[in-house]
Amino acid sequence: MLQQWNVSGVKFAASAENLEDTYYSALQKLLACIKSMGEDKLILLEGGSYLGCWLESTGTINDELLSRLNPSVSETTFLIRCHYCKPSYVKLVLHIKKADAV
């Protein structure tokens, strides 16, 4: 997981040390939201005390953003959601994956 993050090229530098501290604190919180589903499957959950995701509101945009920084976690998260969602969502995700492959 960290290897993919490092390969993504995301860097942060600021003249004020407290800004860099804020970035690294946020990064720590993001990484804490990535949980193991067993068998080397990592998924993104919402932060805080809620161990899940409001799929209709924040779930898909969070996964979209993460796909640019950590594609394998994002893909696993989408696929897990497809497994537990209604068929219309599964069709949408599969349509998007096919469009990306072209």
PDB file of N, CA and C in Angstrom:
ATOM      1  N   MET A   1       0.828  -1.188   0.000  1.00  0.00           N
ATOM      2  CA  MET A   1       0.000   0.000   0.000  1.00  0.00           C
ATOM      3  C   MET A   1       0.873   1.252   0.000  1.00  0.00           C
ATOM      4  N   LEU A   2       1.843   1.316   0.882  1.00  0.00           N
ATOM      5  CA  LEU A   2       2.715   2.494   0.933  1.00  0.00           C
ATOM      6  C   LEU A   2       3.565   2.619  -0.319  1.00  0.00           C
ATOM      7  N   GLN A   3       3.931   1.477  -0.897  1.00  0.00           N
ATOM      8  CA  GLN A   3       4.726   1.515  -2.125  1.00  0.00           C
ATOM      9  C   GLN A   3       3.937   2.202  -3.245  1.00  0.00           C
ATOM     10  N   GLN A   4       2.654   1.861  -3.392  1.00  0.00           N
ATOM     11  CA  GLN A   4       1.838   2.518  -4.418  1.00  0.00           C
ATOM     12  C   GLN A   4       1.702   4.000  -4.136  1.00  0.00           C
ATOM     13  N   TRP A   5       1.551   4.365  -2.876  1.00  0.00           N
ATOM     14  CA  TRP A   5       1.438   5.782  -2.517  1.00  0.00           C
ATOM     15  C   TRP A   5       2.710   6.514  -2.941  1.00  0.00           C
ATOM     16  N   ASN A   6       3.855   5.930  -2.644  1.00  0.00           N
ATOM     17  CA  ASN A   6       5.128   6.570  -2.998  1.00  0.00           C
ATOM     18  C   ASN A   6       5.303   6.685  -4.505  1.00  0.00           C
ATOM     19  N   VAL A   7       4.872   5.674  -5.244  1.00  0.00           N
ATOM     20  CA  VAL A   7       4.974   5.693  -6.702  1.00  0.00           C
ATOM     21  C   VAL A   7       4.053   6.751  -7.303  1.00  0.00           C
ATOM     22  N   SER A   8       2.966   7.090  -6.612  1.00  0.00           N
ATOM     23  CA  SER A   8       2.008   8.069  -7.138  1.00  0.00           C
ATOM     24  C   SER A   8       2.635   9.439  -7.347  1.00  0.00           C
ATOM     25  N   GLY A   9       3.730   9.709  -6.655  1.00  0.00           N
ATOM     26  CA  GLY A   9       4.418  10.984  -6.832  1.00  0.00           C
ATOM     27  C   GLY A   9       3.899  12.110  -5.966  1.00  0.00           C
ATOM     28  N   VAL A  10       2.988  11.824  -5.055  1.00  0.00           N
ATOM     29  CA  VAL A  10       2.455  12.867  -4.179  1.00  0.00           C
ATOM     30  C   VAL A  10       3.549  13.314  -3.220  1.00  0.00           C
ATOM     31  N   LYS A  11       3.782  14.594  -3.206  1.00  0.00           N
ATOM     32  CA  LYS A  11       4.786  15.187  -2.308  1.00  0.00           C
ATOM     33  C   LYS A  11       4.184  16.445  -1.712  1.00  0.00           C
ATOM     34  N   PHE A  12       4.711  16.859  -0.585  1.00  0.00           N
ATOM     35  CA  PHE A  12       4.252  18.091   0.030  1.00  0.00           C
ATOM     36  C   PHE A  12       5.427  18.752   0.721  1.00  0.00           C
ATOM     37  N   ALA A  13       5.624  20.012   0.438  1.00  0.00           N
ATOM     38  CA  ALA A  13       6.677  20.784   1.097  1.00  0.00           C
ATOM     39  C   ALA A  13       6.151  22.191   1.335  1.00  0.00           C
ATOM     40  N   ALA A  14       6.498  22.740   2.471  1.00  0.00           N
ATOM     41  CA  ALA A  14       6.059  24.096   2.812  1.00  0.00           C
ATOM     42  C   ALA A  14       7.138  24.763   3.644  1.00  0.00           C
ATOM     43  N   SER A  15       7.162  26.074   3.575  1.00  0.00           N
ATOM     44  CA  SER A  15       8.150  26.803   4.373  1.00  0.00           C
ATOM     45  C   SER A  15       7.787  26.774   5.855  1.00  0.00           C
ATOM     46  N   ALA A  16       6.514  26.642   6.149  1.00  0.00           N
ATOM     47  CA  ALA A  16       6.076  26.580   7.548  1.00  0.00           C
ATOM     48  C   ALA A  16       5.961  25.117   7.973  1.00  0.00           C
ATOM     49  N   GLU A  17       6.683  24.764   9.002  1.00  0.00           N
ATOM     50  CA  GLU A  17       6.713  23.374   9.454  1.00  0.00           C
ATOM     51  C   GLU A  17       5.328  22.870   9.860  1.00  0.00           C
ATOM     52  N   ASN A  18       4.502  23.754  10.418  1.00  0.00           N
ATOM     53  CA  ASN A  18       3.176  23.301  10.853  1.00  0.00           C
ATOM     54  C   ASN A  18       2.295  22.882   9.671  1.00  0.00           C
ATOM     55  N   LEU A  19       2.527  23.451   8.484  1.00  0.00           N
ATOM     56  CA  LEU A  19       1.773  23.018   7.303  1.00  0.00           C
ATOM     57  C   LEU A  19       2.175  21.602   6.896  1.00  0.00           C
ATOM     58  N   GLU A  20       3.464  21.333   6.934  1.00  0.00           N
ATOM     59  CA  GLU A  20       3.916  19.974   6.628  1.00  0.00           C
ATOM     60  C   GLU A  20       3.385  18.992   7.665  1.00  0.00           C
ATOM     61  N   ASP A  21       3.381  19.400   8.919  1.00  0.00           N
ATOM     62  CA  ASP A  21       2.843  18.541   9.976  1.00  0.00           C
ATOM     63  C   ASP A  21       1.372  18.226   9.718  1.00  0.00           C
ATOM     64  N   THR A  22       0.623  19.212   9.239  1.00  0.00           N
ATOM     65  CA  THR A  22      -0.795  19.013   8.937  1.00  0.00           C
ATOM     66  C   THR A  22      -0.965  18.002   7.808  1.00  0.00           C
ATOM     67  N   TYR A  23      -0.131  18.111   6.772  1.00  0.00           N
ATOM     68  CA  TYR A  23      -0.182  17.160   5.664  1.00  0.00           C
ATOM     69  C   TYR A  23       0.067  15.737   6.163  1.00  0.00           C
ATOM     70  N   TYR A  24       1.128  15.556   6.939  1.00  0.00           N
ATOM     71  CA  TYR A  24       1.467  14.213   7.406  1.00  0.00           C
ATOM     72  C   TYR A  24       0.425  13.674   8.386  1.00  0.00           C
ATOM     73  N   SER A  25      -0.202  14.540   9.142  1.00  0.00           N
ATOM     74  CA  SER A  25      -1.291  14.127  10.028  1.00  0.00           C
ATOM     75  C   SER A  25      -2.488  13.649   9.202  1.00  0.00           C
ATOM     76  N   ALA A  26      -2.812  14.392   8.144  1.00  0.00           N
ATOM     77  CA  ALA A  26      -3.921  14.005   7.261  1.00  0.00           C
ATOM     78  C   ALA A  26      -3.613  12.693   6.549  1.00  0.00           C
ATOM     79  N   LEU A  27      -2.379  12.522   6.109  1.00  0.00           N
ATOM     80  CA  LEU A  27      -1.979  11.286   5.443  1.00  0.00           C
ATOM     81  C   LEU A  27      -2.121  10.101   6.396  1.00  0.00           C
ATOM     82  N   GLN A  28      -1.719  10.291   7.633  1.00  0.00           N
ATOM     83  CA  GLN A  28      -1.865   9.240   8.641  1.00  0.00           C
ATOM     84  C   GLN A  28      -3.335   8.862   8.829  1.00  0.00           C
ATOM     85  N   LYS A  29      -4.204   9.868   8.864  1.00  0.00           N
ATOM     86  CA  LYS A  29      -5.638   9.611   9.034  1.00  0.00           C
ATOM     87  C   LYS A  29      -6.212   8.879   7.826  1.00  0.00           C
ATOM     88  N   LEU A  30      -5.767   9.256   6.631  1.00  0.00           N
ATOM     89  CA  LEU A  30      -6.218   8.564   5.424  1.00  0.00           C
ATOM     90  C   LEU A  30      -5.798   7.101   5.458  1.00  0.00           C
ATOM     91  N   LEU A  31      -4.538   6.852   5.750  1.00  0.00           N
ATOM     92  CA  LEU A  31      -4.042   5.480   5.765  1.00  0.00           C
ATOM     93  C   LEU A  31      -4.733   4.646   6.844  1.00  0.00           C
ATOM     94  N   ALA A  32      -5.147   5.285   7.929  1.00  0.00           N
ATOM     95  CA  ALA A  32      -5.869   4.573   8.993  1.00  0.00           C
ATOM     96  C   ALA A  32      -7.264   4.147   8.536  1.00  0.00           C
ATOM     97  N   CYS A  33      -7.772   4.752   7.468  1.00  0.00           N
ATOM     98  CA  CYS A  33      -9.098   4.402   6.937  1.00  0.00           C
ATOM     99  C   CYS A  33      -9.027   3.238   5.955  1.00  0.00           C
ATOM    100  N   ILE A  34      -7.835   2.774   5.646  1.00  0.00           N
ATOM    101  CA  ILE A  34      -7.668   1.631   4.755  1.00  0.00           C
ATOM    102  C   ILE A  34      -7.539   0.393   5.634  1.00  0.00           C
ATOM    103  N   LYS A  35      -8.494  -0.504   5.487  1.00  0.00           N
ATOM    104  CA  LYS A  35      -8.589  -1.674   6.364  1.00  0.00           C
ATOM    105  C   LYS A  35      -8.456  -2.962   5.564  1.00  0.00           C
ATOM    106  N   SER A  36      -7.971  -3.991   6.227  1.00  0.00           N
ATOM    107  CA  SER A  36      -7.808  -5.295   5.598  1.00  0.00           C
ATOM    108  C   SER A  36      -9.119  -6.070   5.613  1.00  0.00           C
ATOM    109  N   MET A  37      -9.408  -6.706   4.493  1.00  0.00           N
ATOM    110  CA  MET A  37     -10.559  -7.603   4.394  1.00  0.00           C
ATOM    111  C   MET A  37     -10.078  -9.055   4.353  1.00  0.00           C
ATOM    112  N   GLY A  38      -8.822  -9.271   4.686  1.00  0.00           N
ATOM    113  CA  GLY A  38      -8.238 -10.603   4.617  1.00  0.00           C
ATOM    114  C   GLY A  38      -7.723 -10.896   3.225  1.00  0.00           C
ATOM    115  N   GLU A  39      -6.927 -11.923   3.099  1.00  0.00           N
ATOM    116  CA  GLU A  39      -6.383 -12.351   1.806  1.00  0.00           C
ATOM    117  C   GLU A  39      -5.739 -11.195   1.043  1.00  0.00           C
ATOM    118  N   ASP A  40      -5.014 -10.344   1.726  1.00  0.00           N
ATOM    119  CA  ASP A  40      -4.330  -9.199   1.106  1.00  0.00           C
ATOM    120  C   ASP A  40      -5.280  -8.244   0.394  1.00  0.00           C
ATOM    121  N   LYS A  41      -6.522  -8.182   0.823  1.00  0.00           N
ATOM    122  CA  LYS A  41      -7.491  -7.257   0.236  1.00  0.00           C
ATOM    123  C   LYS A  41      -7.654  -6.062   1.160  1.00  0.00           C
ATOM    124  N   LEU A  42      -7.262  -4.899   0.683  1.00  0.00           N
ATOM    125  CA  LEU A  42      -7.396  -3.669   1.448  1.00  0.00           C
ATOM    126  C   LEU A  42      -8.504  -2.824   0.845  1.00  0.00           C
ATOM    127  N   ILE A  43      -9.353  -2.245   1.707  1.00  0.00           N
ATOM    128  CA  ILE A  43     -10.425  -1.379   1.228  1.00  0.00           C
ATOM    129  C   ILE A  43     -10.423  -0.065   1.996  1.00  0.00           C
ATOM    130  N   LEU A  44     -11.011   0.942   1.378  1.00  0.00           N
ATOM    131  CA  LEU A  44     -11.136   2.257   1.993  1.00  0.00           C
ATOM    132  C   LEU A  44     -12.486   2.369   2.689  1.00  0.00           C
ATOM    133  N   LEU A  45     -12.455   2.709   3.968  1.00  0.00           N
ATOM    134  CA  LEU A  45     -13.669   2.988   4.730  1.00  0.00           C
ATOM    135  C   LEU A  45     -13.684   4.464   5.062  1.00  0.00           C
ATOM    136  N   GLU A  46     -14.852   4.955   5.469  1.00  0.00           N
ATOM    137  CA  GLU A  46     -14.915   6.345   5.904  1.00  0.00           C
ATOM    138  C   GLU A  46     -14.165   6.492   7.215  1.00  0.00           C
ATOM    139  N   GLY A  47     -13.721   7.686   7.495  1.00  0.00           N
ATOM    140  CA  GLY A  47     -12.981   7.937   8.724  1.00  0.00           C
ATOM    141  C   GLY A  47     -13.882   8.025   9.940  1.00  0.00           C
ATOM    142  N   GLY A  48     -13.275   8.242  11.056  1.00  0.00           N
ATOM    143  CA  GLY A  48     -14.027   8.384  12.300  1.00  0.00           C
ATOM    144  C   GLY A  48     -14.442   7.047  12.863  1.00  0.00           C
ATOM    145  N   SER A  49     -15.508   7.056  13.610  1.00  0.00           N
ATOM    146  CA  SER A  49     -15.948   5.839  14.291  1.00  0.00           C
ATOM    147  C   SER A  49     -16.834   4.964  13.414  1.00  0.00           C
ATOM    148  N   TYR A  50     -17.232   5.455  12.247  1.00  0.00           N
ATOM    149  CA  TYR A  50     -18.128   4.703  11.375  1.00  0.00           C
ATOM    150  C   TYR A  50     -17.327   3.735  10.516  1.00  0.00           C
ATOM    151  N   LEU A  51     -17.503   2.441  10.728  1.00  0.00           N
ATOM    152  CA  LEU A  51     -16.780   1.439   9.946  1.00  0.00           C
ATOM    153  C   LEU A  51     -17.630   1.003   8.761  1.00  0.00           C
ATOM    154  N   GLY A  52     -17.755   1.880   7.813  1.00  0.00           N
ATOM    155  CA  GLY A  52     -18.535   1.608   6.620  1.00  0.00           C
ATOM    156  C   GLY A  52     -18.398   2.770   5.670  1.00  0.00           C
ATOM    157  N   CYS A  53     -19.408   2.946   4.844  1.00  0.00           N
ATOM    158  CA  CYS A  53     -19.355   4.029   3.876  1.00  0.00           C
ATOM    159  C   CYS A  53     -20.764   4.378   3.420  1.00  0.00           C
ATOM    160  N   TRP A  54     -21.027   5.663   3.295  1.00  0.00           N
ATOM    161  CA  TRP A  54     -22.280   6.119   2.693  1.00  0.00           C
ATOM    162  C   TRP A  54     -22.055   6.117   1.186  1.00  0.00           C
ATOM    163  N   LEU A  55     -22.342   5.000   0.580  1.00  0.00           N
ATOM    164  CA  LEU A  55     -22.052   4.803  -0.833  1.00  0.00           C
ATOM    165  C   LEU A  55     -22.687   5.864  -1.715  1.00  0.00           C
ATOM    166  N   GLU A  56     -23.905   6.268  -1.389  1.00  0.00           N
ATOM    167  CA  GLU A  56     -24.636   7.206  -2.231  1.00  0.00           C
ATOM    168  C   GLU A  56     -24.069   8.615  -2.179  1.00  0.00           C
ATOM    169  N   SER A  57     -23.299   8.932  -1.159  1.00  0.00           N
ATOM    170  CA  SER A  57     -22.826  10.318  -1.043  1.00  0.00           C
ATOM    171  C   SER A  57     -21.316  10.434  -1.186  1.00  0.00           C
ATOM    172  N   THR A  58     -20.574   9.840  -0.297  1.00  0.00           N
ATOM    173  CA  THR A  58     -19.123  10.064  -0.306  1.00  0.00           C
ATOM    174  C   THR A  58     -18.317   8.889  -0.823  1.00  0.00           C
ATOM    175  N   GLY A  59     -18.885   7.707  -0.821  1.00  0.00           N
ATOM    176  CA  GLY A  59     -18.123   6.511  -1.168  1.00  0.00           C
ATOM    177  C   GLY A  59     -17.491   6.543  -2.536  1.00  0.00           C
ATOM    178  N   THR A  60     -18.261   6.864  -3.548  1.00  0.00           N
ATOM    179  CA  THR A  60     -17.720   6.798  -4.904  1.00  0.00           C
ATOM    180  C   THR A  60     -16.682   7.879  -5.169  1.00  0.00           C
ATOM    181  N   ILE A  61     -16.873   9.076  -4.649  1.00  0.00           N
ATOM    182  CA  ILE A  61     -15.882  10.131  -4.889  1.00  0.00           C
ATOM    183  C   ILE A  61     -14.593   9.842  -4.126  1.00  0.00           C
ATOM    184  N   ASN A  62     -14.713   9.289  -2.931  1.00  0.00           N
ATOM    185  CA  ASN A  62     -13.512   8.917  -2.183  1.00  0.00           C
ATOM    186  C   ASN A  62     -12.708   7.875  -2.947  1.00  0.00           C
ATOM    187  N   ASP A  63     -13.405   6.879  -3.509  1.00  0.00           N
ATOM    188  CA  ASP A  63     -12.722   5.842  -4.275  1.00  0.00           C
ATOM    189  C   ASP A  63     -12.096   6.407  -5.544  1.00  0.00           C
ATOM    190  N   GLU A  64     -12.806   7.318  -6.192  1.00  0.00           N
ATOM    191  CA  GLU A  64     -12.276   7.936  -7.415  1.00  0.00           C
ATOM    192  C   GLU A  64     -10.980   8.683  -7.120  1.00  0.00           C
ATOM    193  N   LEU A  65     -10.981   9.460  -6.063  1.00  0.00           N
ATOM    194  CA  LEU A  65      -9.764  10.191  -5.701  1.00  0.00           C
ATOM    195  C   LEU A  65      -8.638   9.238  -5.329  1.00  0.00           C
ATOM    196  N   LEU A  66      -8.956   8.212  -4.570  1.00  0.00           N
ATOM    197  CA  LEU A  66      -7.926   7.259  -4.157  1.00  0.00           C
ATOM    198  C   LEU A  66      -7.361   6.495  -5.350  1.00  0.00           C
ATOM    199  N   SER A  67      -8.161   6.299  -6.398  1.00  0.00           N
ATOM    200  CA  SER A  67      -7.689   5.543  -7.563  1.00  0.00           C
ATOM    201  C   SER A  67      -6.481   6.196  -8.220  1.00  0.00           C
ATOM    202  N   ARG A  68      -6.335   7.488  -8.040  1.00  0.00           N
ATOM    203  CA  ARG A  68      -5.190   8.199  -8.618  1.00  0.00           C
ATOM    204  C   ARG A  68      -3.930   8.025  -7.781  1.00  0.00           C
ATOM    205  N   LEU A  69      -4.105   7.650  -6.522  1.00  0.00           N
ATOM    206  CA  LEU A  69      -2.974   7.566  -5.602  1.00  0.00           C
ATOM    207  C   LEU A  69      -2.652   6.136  -5.192  1.00  0.00           C
ATOM    208  N   ASN A  70      -3.657   5.310  -5.131  1.00  0.00           N
ATOM    209  CA  ASN A  70      -3.471   3.925  -4.710  1.00  0.00           C
ATOM    210  C   ASN A  70      -4.492   3.050  -5.440  1.00  0.00           C
ATOM    211  N   PRO A  71      -4.237   2.756  -6.717  1.00  0.00           N
ATOM    212  CA  PRO A  71      -5.219   2.073  -7.559  1.00  0.00           C
ATOM    213  C   PRO A  71      -5.680   0.713  -7.044  1.00  0.00           C
ATOM    214  N   SER A  72      -4.797  -0.066  -6.462  1.00  0.00           N
ATOM    215  CA  SER A  72      -5.217  -1.410  -6.045  1.00  0.00           C
ATOM    216  C   SER A  72      -6.223  -1.360  -4.904  1.00  0.00           C
ATOM    217  N   VAL A  73      -6.034  -0.459  -3.950  1.00  0.00           N
ATOM    218  CA  VAL A  73      -6.998  -0.325  -2.850  1.00  0.00           C
ATOM    219  C   VAL A  73      -8.330   0.184  -3.389  1.00  0.00           C
ATOM    220  N   SER A  74      -8.278   1.125  -4.299  1.00  0.00           N
ATOM    221  CA  SER A  74      -9.504   1.662  -4.886  1.00  0.00           C
ATOM    222  C   SER A  74     -10.266   0.578  -5.647  1.00  0.00           C
ATOM    223  N   GLU A  75      -9.556  -0.196  -6.441  1.00  0.00           N
ATOM    224  CA  GLU A  75     -10.210  -1.253  -7.215  1.00  0.00           C
ATOM    225  C   GLU A  75     -10.858  -2.285  -6.294  1.00  0.00           C
ATOM    226  N   THR A  76     -10.144  -2.714  -5.273  1.00  0.00           N
ATOM    227  CA  THR A  76     -10.705  -3.682  -4.331  1.00  0.00           C
ATOM    228  C   THR A  76     -11.937  -3.112  -3.640  1.00  0.00           C
ATOM    229  N   THR A  77     -11.888  -1.831  -3.286  1.00  0.00           N
ATOM    230  CA  THR A  77     -13.024  -1.188  -2.625  1.00  0.00           C
ATOM    231  C   THR A  77     -14.244  -1.189  -3.539  1.00  0.00           C
ATOM    232  N   PHE A  78     -14.059  -0.813  -4.808  1.00  0.00           N
ATOM    233  CA  PHE A  78     -15.172  -0.829  -5.760  1.00  0.00           C
ATOM    234  C   PHE A  78     -15.741  -2.244  -5.916  1.00  0.00           C
ATOM    235  N   LEU A  79     -14.858  -3.228  -6.043  1.00  0.00           N
ATOM    236  CA  LEU A  79     -15.321  -4.600  -6.254  1.00  0.00           C
ATOM    237  C   LEU A  79     -16.066  -5.155  -5.043  1.00  0.00           C
ATOM    238  N   ILE A  80     -15.601  -4.844  -3.847  1.00  0.00           N
ATOM    239  CA  ILE A  80     -16.302  -5.277  -2.631  1.00  0.00           C
ATOM    240  C   ILE A  80     -17.691  -4.650  -2.590  1.00  0.00           C
ATOM    241  N   ARG A  81     -17.775  -3.387  -2.946  1.00  0.00           N
ATOM    242  CA  ARG A  81     -19.081  -2.718  -2.945  1.00  0.00           C
ATOM    243  C   ARG A  81     -20.003  -3.323  -3.994  1.00  0.00           C
ATOM    244  N   CYS A  82     -19.450  -3.667  -5.142  1.00  0.00           N
ATOM    245  CA  CYS A  82     -20.261  -4.319  -6.177  1.00  0.00           C
ATOM    246  C   CYS A  82     -20.837  -5.632  -5.661  1.00  0.00           C
ATOM    247  N   HIS A  83     -20.041  -6.338  -4.901  1.00  0.00           N
ATOM    248  CA  HIS A  83     -20.479  -7.631  -4.369  1.00  0.00           C
ATOM    249  C   HIS A  83     -21.707  -7.477  -3.472  1.00  0.00           C
ATOM    250  N   TYR A  84     -21.777  -6.379  -2.725  1.00  0.00           N
ATOM    251  CA  TYR A  84     -22.852  -6.192  -1.755  1.00  0.00           C
ATOM    252  C   TYR A  84     -23.933  -5.206  -2.200  1.00  0.00           C
ATOM    253  N   CYS A  85     -23.854  -4.693  -3.413  1.00  0.00           N
ATOM    254  CA  CYS A  85     -24.801  -3.660  -3.857  1.00  0.00           C
ATOM    255  C   CYS A  85     -25.846  -4.200  -4.815  1.00  0.00           C
ATOM    256  N   LYS A  86     -26.801  -3.318  -5.103  1.00  0.00           N
ATOM    257  CA  LYS A  86     -27.843  -3.675  -6.056  1.00  0.00           C
ATOM    258  C   LYS A  86     -27.249  -3.712  -7.469  1.00  0.00           C
ATOM    259  N   PRO A  87     -27.859  -4.452  -8.369  1.00  0.00           N
ATOM    260  CA  PRO A  87     -27.316  -4.651  -9.716  1.00  0.00           C
ATOM    261  C   PRO A  87     -27.038  -3.370 -10.501  1.00  0.00           C
ATOM    262  N   SER A  88     -27.812  -2.318 -10.325  1.00  0.00           N
ATOM    263  CA  SER A  88     -27.586  -1.101 -11.111  1.00  0.00           C
ATOM    264  C   SER A  88     -26.221  -0.486 -10.804  1.00  0.00           C
ATOM    265  N   TYR A  89     -25.766  -0.564  -9.558  1.00  0.00           N
ATOM    266  CA  TYR A  89     -24.446  -0.030  -9.212  1.00  0.00           C
ATOM    267  C   TYR A  89     -23.355  -0.886  -9.843  1.00  0.00           C
ATOM    268  N   VAL A  90     -23.531  -2.197  -9.807  1.00  0.00           N
ATOM    269  CA  VAL A  90     -22.538  -3.096 -10.398  1.00  0.00           C
ATOM    270  C   VAL A  90     -22.392  -2.803 -11.884  1.00  0.00           C
ATOM    271  N   LYS A  91     -23.499  -2.607 -12.590  1.00  0.00           N
ATOM    272  CA  LYS A  91     -23.444  -2.298 -14.020  1.00  0.00           C
ATOM    273  C   LYS A  91     -22.701  -0.997 -14.272  1.00  0.00           C
ATOM    274  N   LEU A  92     -22.911   0.001 -13.429  1.00  0.00           N
ATOM    275  CA  LEU A  92     -22.232   1.286 -13.585  1.00  0.00           C
ATOM    276  C   LEU A  92     -20.727   1.127 -13.430  1.00  0.00           C
ATOM    277  N   VAL A  93     -20.290   0.434 -12.401  1.00  0.00           N
ATOM    278  CA  VAL A  93     -18.857   0.248 -12.166  1.00  0.00           C
ATOM    279  C   VAL A  93     -18.227  -0.544 -13.299  1.00  0.00           C
ATOM    280  N   LEU A  94     -18.889  -1.601 -13.758  1.00  0.00           N
ATOM    281  CA  LEU A  94     -18.343  -2.386 -14.866  1.00  0.00           C
ATOM    282  C   LEU A  94     -18.264  -1.551 -16.132  1.00  0.00           C
ATOM    283  N   HIS A  95     -19.232  -0.695 -16.369  1.00  0.00           N
ATOM    284  CA  HIS A  95     -19.211   0.197 -17.526  1.00  0.00           C
ATOM    285  C   HIS A  95     -18.008   1.144 -17.443  1.00  0.00           C
ATOM    286  N   ILE A  96     -17.757   1.686 -16.272  1.00  0.00           N
ATOM    287  CA  ILE A  96     -16.618   2.593 -16.081  1.00  0.00           C
ATOM    288  C   ILE A  96     -15.311   1.847 -16.302  1.00  0.00           C
ATOM    289  N   LYS A  97     -15.181   0.633 -15.769  1.00  0.00           N
ATOM    290  CA  LYS A  97     -13.955  -0.145 -15.940  1.00  0.00           C
ATOM    291  C   LYS A  97     -13.701  -0.430 -17.421  1.00  0.00           C
ATOM    292  N   LYS A  98     -14.755  -0.760 -18.176  1.00  0.00           N
ATOM    293  CA  LYS A  98     -14.596  -1.022 -19.605  1.00  0.00           C
ATOM    294  C   LYS A  98     -14.147   0.240 -20.333  1.00  0.00           C
ATOM    295  N   ALA A  99     -14.693   1.379 -19.969  1.00  0.00           N
ATOM    296  CA  ALA A  99     -14.312   2.642 -20.608  1.00  0.00           C
ATOM    297  C   ALA A  99     -12.855   2.978 -20.319  1.00  0.00           C
ATOM    298  N   ASP A 100     -12.384   2.690 -19.120  1.00  0.00           N
ATOM    299  CA  ASP A 100     -10.985   2.944 -18.771  1.00  0.00           C
ATOM    300  C   ASP A 100     -10.037   2.042 -19.546  1.00  0.00           C
ATOM    301  N   ALA A 101     -10.495   0.842 -19.887  1.00  0.00           N
ATOM    302  CA  ALA A 101      -9.644  -0.114 -20.582  1.00  0.00           C
ATOM    303  C   ALA A 101      -9.424   0.261 -22.042  1.00  0.00           C
ATOM    304  N   VAL A 102     -10.307   1.064 -22.594  1.00  0.00           N
ATOM    305  CA  VAL A 102     -10.220   1.428 -24.016  1.00  0.00           C
ATOM    306  C   VAL A 102      -9.137   2.442 -24.261  1.00  0.00           C
TER     307      VAL A 102
END
